[in-house]
Amino acid sequence: MARRRHLSRIVVMQVLFEKEKHPSCDPDTALERNTGELGELDEGFAKELLAGVTEHHDDICLAIQSHAPDWPLDRMDPISRSILLIGGEELLFRKDAPAAVVMNEAIDIAKEYGTPESGKFVNGVLNAVAQAIGSKS
């Protein structure tokens, strides 16, 4: 199950990256294509995650920006930005995985696909978002 969700997050990251580079791309078509390339993943989770990021995009961006004020979204590398959108969706709007799991998954994906500093950056921002959520509970 964990591996399938990990792959689902990677597929959604790829779709968000592609959508950013090619705004005319259809996210559902890209998701279907990327799902076929990666194999065994939780397709329902991937679809829900992509839909959530799309639906809550502005709110997630505000949360990210408030916890990374020195890094405007357009200055962030696109992989880190995509990963932060996914992590933000999971922390802010989905409650089916503990914050530590969400952050570890995001950091692992950032280390694998991002720049050498992506893992640290994603960790810092998502940790701040998680702490802010925790203080509101």
C-alpha atoms as a PDB file:
ATOM      1  CA  MET A   1       0.000   0.000   0.000  1.00  0.00           C
ATOM      2  CA  ALA A   2       2.729   2.479   0.980  1.00  0.00           C
ATOM      3  CA  ARG A   3       4.697   1.851  -2.221  1.00  0.00           C
ATOM      4  CA  ARG A   4       1.562   2.303  -4.325  1.00  0.00           C
ATOM      5  CA  ARG A   5       0.841   5.667  -2.687  1.00  0.00           C
ATOM      6  CA  HIS A   6       4.451   6.721  -3.138  1.00  0.00           C
ATOM      7  CA  LEU A   7       4.179   6.021  -6.865  1.00  0.00           C
ATOM      8  CA  SER A   8       0.830   7.853  -6.936  1.00  0.00           C
ATOM      9  CA  ARG A   9       2.453  10.966  -5.498  1.00  0.00           C
ATOM     10  CA  ILE A  10       5.215  10.761  -8.112  1.00  0.00           C
ATOM     11  CA  VAL A  11       2.658  10.507 -10.920  1.00  0.00           C
ATOM     12  CA  VAL A  12       0.741  13.530  -9.602  1.00  0.00           C
ATOM     13  CA  MET A  13       4.016  15.479  -9.323  1.00  0.00           C
ATOM     14  CA  GLN A  14       4.765  14.639 -12.960  1.00  0.00           C
ATOM     15  CA  VAL A  15       1.316  15.823 -14.022  1.00  0.00           C
ATOM     16  CA  LEU A  16       1.651  19.113 -12.123  1.00  0.00           C
ATOM     17  CA  PHE A  17       5.101  19.669 -13.626  1.00  0.00           C
ATOM     18  CA  GLU A  18       3.811  18.926 -17.120  1.00  0.00           C
ATOM     19  CA  LYS A  19       0.782  21.183 -16.646  1.00  0.00           C
ATOM     20  CA  GLU A  20       3.062  24.001 -15.582  1.00  0.00           C
ATOM     21  CA  LYS A  21       5.319  23.601 -18.616  1.00  0.00           C
ATOM     22  CA  HIS A  22       2.425  23.018 -21.033  1.00  0.00           C
ATOM     23  CA  PRO A  23      -0.676  24.832 -19.714  1.00  0.00           C
ATOM     24  CA  SER A  24      -2.855  23.387 -22.478  1.00  0.00           C
ATOM     25  CA  CYS A  25      -2.206  19.798 -21.358  1.00  0.00           C
ATOM     26  CA  ASP A  26      -5.196  17.960 -19.945  1.00  0.00           C
ATOM     27  CA  PRO A  27      -4.310  16.796 -16.408  1.00  0.00           C
ATOM     28  CA  ASP A  28      -6.542  13.720 -16.595  1.00  0.00           C
ATOM     29  CA  THR A  29      -4.956  12.579 -19.867  1.00  0.00           C
ATOM     30  CA  ALA A  30      -1.475  13.203 -18.451  1.00  0.00           C
ATOM     31  CA  LEU A  31      -2.394  11.274 -15.298  1.00  0.00           C
ATOM     32  CA  GLU A  32      -3.620   8.331 -17.335  1.00  0.00           C
ATOM     33  CA  ARG A  33      -0.489   8.329 -19.510  1.00  0.00           C
ATOM     34  CA  ASN A  34       1.892   8.620 -16.554  1.00  0.00           C
ATOM     35  CA  THR A  35      -0.008   5.950 -14.634  1.00  0.00           C
ATOM     36  CA  GLY A  36       0.591   3.558 -17.509  1.00  0.00           C
ATOM     37  CA  GLU A  37       4.310   4.340 -17.481  1.00  0.00           C
ATOM     38  CA  LEU A  38       4.862   3.894 -13.734  1.00  0.00           C
ATOM     39  CA  GLY A  39       2.769   0.815 -13.178  1.00  0.00           C
ATOM     40  CA  GLU A  40       1.403  -0.404  -9.857  1.00  0.00           C
ATOM     41  CA  LEU A  41      -0.020   2.587  -8.046  1.00  0.00           C
ATOM     42  CA  ASP A  42      -3.174   3.566  -6.223  1.00  0.00           C
ATOM     43  CA  GLU A  43      -5.006   5.142  -9.140  1.00  0.00           C
ATOM     44  CA  GLY A  44      -7.963   6.285  -7.026  1.00  0.00           C
ATOM     45  CA  PHE A  45      -5.643   8.038  -4.590  1.00  0.00           C
ATOM     46  CA  ALA A  46      -3.747   9.678  -7.467  1.00  0.00           C
ATOM     47  CA  LYS A  47      -6.974  10.983  -9.019  1.00  0.00           C
ATOM     48  CA  GLU A  48      -8.230  12.300  -5.668  1.00  0.00           C
ATOM     49  CA  LEU A  49      -4.890  13.931  -4.920  1.00  0.00           C
ATOM     50  CA  LEU A  50      -4.733  15.646  -8.317  1.00  0.00           C
ATOM     51  CA  ALA A  51      -8.346  16.810  -8.010  1.00  0.00           C
ATOM     52  CA  GLY A  52      -7.637  18.146  -4.516  1.00  0.00           C
ATOM     53  CA  VAL A  53      -4.557  20.066  -5.614  1.00  0.00           C
ATOM     54  CA  THR A  54      -6.550  21.541  -8.477  1.00  0.00           C
ATOM     55  CA  GLU A  55      -9.524  22.457  -6.281  1.00  0.00           C
ATOM     56  CA  HIS A  56      -7.473  23.907  -3.409  1.00  0.00           C
ATOM     57  CA  HIS A  57      -4.611  25.345  -5.485  1.00  0.00           C
ATOM     58  CA  ASP A  58      -4.978  28.956  -4.326  1.00  0.00           C
ATOM     59  CA  ASP A  59      -5.312  28.042  -0.638  1.00  0.00           C
ATOM     60  CA  ILE A  60      -2.307  25.709  -0.809  1.00  0.00           C
ATOM     61  CA  CYS A  61      -0.245  28.388  -2.551  1.00  0.00           C
ATOM     62  CA  LEU A  62      -1.127  30.892   0.195  1.00  0.00           C
ATOM     63  CA  ALA A  63      -0.043  28.430   2.887  1.00  0.00           C
ATOM     64  CA  ILE A  64       3.206  27.659   1.087  1.00  0.00           C
ATOM     65  CA  GLN A  65       3.947  31.312   0.494  1.00  0.00           C
ATOM     66  CA  SER A  66       3.256  32.275   4.097  1.00  0.00           C
ATOM     67  CA  HIS A  67       5.790  29.669   5.262  1.00  0.00           C
ATOM     68  CA  ALA A  68       8.408  30.492   2.610  1.00  0.00           C
ATOM     69  CA  PRO A  69       8.143  34.301   2.424  1.00  0.00           C
ATOM     70  CA  ASP A  70      11.647  34.726   1.015  1.00  0.00           C
ATOM     71  CA  TRP A  71      10.850  32.381  -1.868  1.00  0.00           C
ATOM     72  CA  PRO A  72       8.059  33.574  -4.146  1.00  0.00           C
ATOM     73  CA  LEU A  73       6.378  30.636  -5.850  1.00  0.00           C
ATOM     74  CA  ASP A  74       7.712  31.661  -9.240  1.00  0.00           C
ATOM     75  CA  ARG A  75      11.305  31.529  -7.892  1.00  0.00           C
ATOM     76  CA  MET A  76      10.954  27.967  -6.624  1.00  0.00           C
ATOM     77  CA  ASP A  77      12.133  25.210  -8.878  1.00  0.00           C
ATOM     78  CA  PRO A  78       9.096  23.576 -10.554  1.00  0.00           C
ATOM     79  CA  ILE A  79       9.691  20.147  -9.031  1.00  0.00           C
ATOM     80  CA  SER A  80       9.811  21.530  -5.479  1.00  0.00           C
ATOM     81  CA  ARG A  81       6.745  23.643  -6.179  1.00  0.00           C
ATOM     82  CA  SER A  82       4.827  20.606  -7.453  1.00  0.00           C
ATOM     83  CA  ILE A  83       5.869  18.534  -4.447  1.00  0.00           C
ATOM     84  CA  LEU A  84       4.864  21.330  -2.071  1.00  0.00           C
ATOM     85  CA  LEU A  85       1.437  21.513  -3.711  1.00  0.00           C
ATOM     86  CA  ILE A  86       0.940  17.787  -3.133  1.00  0.00           C
ATOM     87  CA  GLY A  87       2.249  17.932   0.431  1.00  0.00           C
ATOM     88  CA  GLY A  88       0.149  21.009   1.113  1.00  0.00           C
ATOM     89  CA  GLU A  89      -2.977  19.267  -0.158  1.00  0.00           C
ATOM     90  CA  GLU A  90      -2.322  16.279   2.060  1.00  0.00           C
ATOM     91  CA  LEU A  91      -1.515  18.326   5.169  1.00  0.00           C
ATOM     92  CA  LEU A  92      -4.259  20.911   4.792  1.00  0.00           C
ATOM     93  CA  PHE A  93      -7.156  19.029   3.239  1.00  0.00           C
ATOM     94  CA  ARG A  94      -6.621  15.276   3.474  1.00  0.00           C
ATOM     95  CA  LYS A  95      -6.330  13.607   6.813  1.00  0.00           C
ATOM     96  CA  ASP A  96      -5.685  10.019   5.720  1.00  0.00           C
ATOM     97  CA  ALA A  97      -1.933  10.027   6.409  1.00  0.00           C
ATOM     98  CA  PRO A  98      -0.053  11.388   9.422  1.00  0.00           C
ATOM     99  CA  ALA A  99       1.856  14.627   8.864  1.00  0.00           C
ATOM    100  CA  ALA A 100       5.184  12.825   9.391  1.00  0.00           C
ATOM    101  CA  VAL A 101       4.376  10.364   6.609  1.00  0.00           C
ATOM    102  CA  VAL A 102       3.316  13.148   4.240  1.00  0.00           C
ATOM    103  CA  MET A 103       6.503  15.095   4.941  1.00  0.00           C
ATOM    104  CA  ASN A 104       8.794  12.057   4.617  1.00  0.00           C
ATOM    105  CA  GLU A 105       7.204  11.108   1.298  1.00  0.00           C
ATOM    106  CA  ALA A 106       7.583  14.661  -0.012  1.00  0.00           C
ATOM    107  CA  ILE A 107      11.212  14.860   1.117  1.00  0.00           C
ATOM    108  CA  ASP A 108      12.047  11.498  -0.477  1.00  0.00           C
ATOM    109  CA  ILE A 109      10.483  12.531  -3.782  1.00  0.00           C
ATOM    110  CA  ALA A 110      12.226  15.923  -3.654  1.00  0.00           C
ATOM    111  CA  LYS A 111      15.595  14.249  -3.080  1.00  0.00           C
ATOM    112  CA  GLU A 112      14.992  11.868  -5.966  1.00  0.00           C
ATOM    113  CA  TYR A 113      13.623  14.311  -8.546  1.00  0.00           C
ATOM    114  CA  GLY A 114      14.573  17.809  -7.414  1.00  0.00           C
ATOM    115  CA  THR A 115      17.712  19.868  -7.035  1.00  0.00           C
ATOM    116  CA  PRO A 116      20.344  19.041  -4.402  1.00  0.00           C
ATOM    117  CA  GLU A 117      18.633  21.476  -2.006  1.00  0.00           C
ATOM    118  CA  SER A 118      15.048  20.438  -2.728  1.00  0.00           C
ATOM    119  CA  GLY A 119      14.760  17.944   0.127  1.00  0.00           C
ATOM    120  CA  LYS A 120      15.806  20.497   2.751  1.00  0.00           C
ATOM    121  CA  PHE A 121      13.608  23.187   1.260  1.00  0.00           C
ATOM    122  CA  VAL A 122      10.518  20.961   1.061  1.00  0.00           C
ATOM    123  CA  ASN A 123      11.173  19.740   4.602  1.00  0.00           C
ATOM    124  CA  GLY A 124      11.359  23.284   5.967  1.00  0.00           C
ATOM    125  CA  VAL A 125       8.224  24.535   4.275  1.00  0.00           C
ATOM    126  CA  LEU A 126       6.039  21.493   4.975  1.00  0.00           C
ATOM    127  CA  ASN A 127       7.268  21.304   8.568  1.00  0.00           C
ATOM    128  CA  ALA A 128       6.211  24.934   9.073  1.00  0.00           C
ATOM    129  CA  VAL A 129       2.808  24.240   7.497  1.00  0.00           C
ATOM    130  CA  ALA A 130       2.334  21.160   9.708  1.00  0.00           C
ATOM    131  CA  GLN A 131       3.294  23.104  12.832  1.00  0.00           C
ATOM    132  CA  ALA A 132       0.873  25.887  11.936  1.00  0.00           C
ATOM    133  CA  ILE A 133      -1.917  23.337  11.498  1.00  0.00           C
ATOM    134  CA  GLY A 134      -1.001  21.702  14.810  1.00  0.00           C
ATOM    135  CA  SER A 135      -1.182  25.005  16.641  1.00  0.00           C
ATOM    136  CA  LYS A 136      -4.715  25.560  15.322  1.00  0.00           C
ATOM    137  CA  SER A 137      -5.978  22.208  16.608  1.00  0.00           C
END
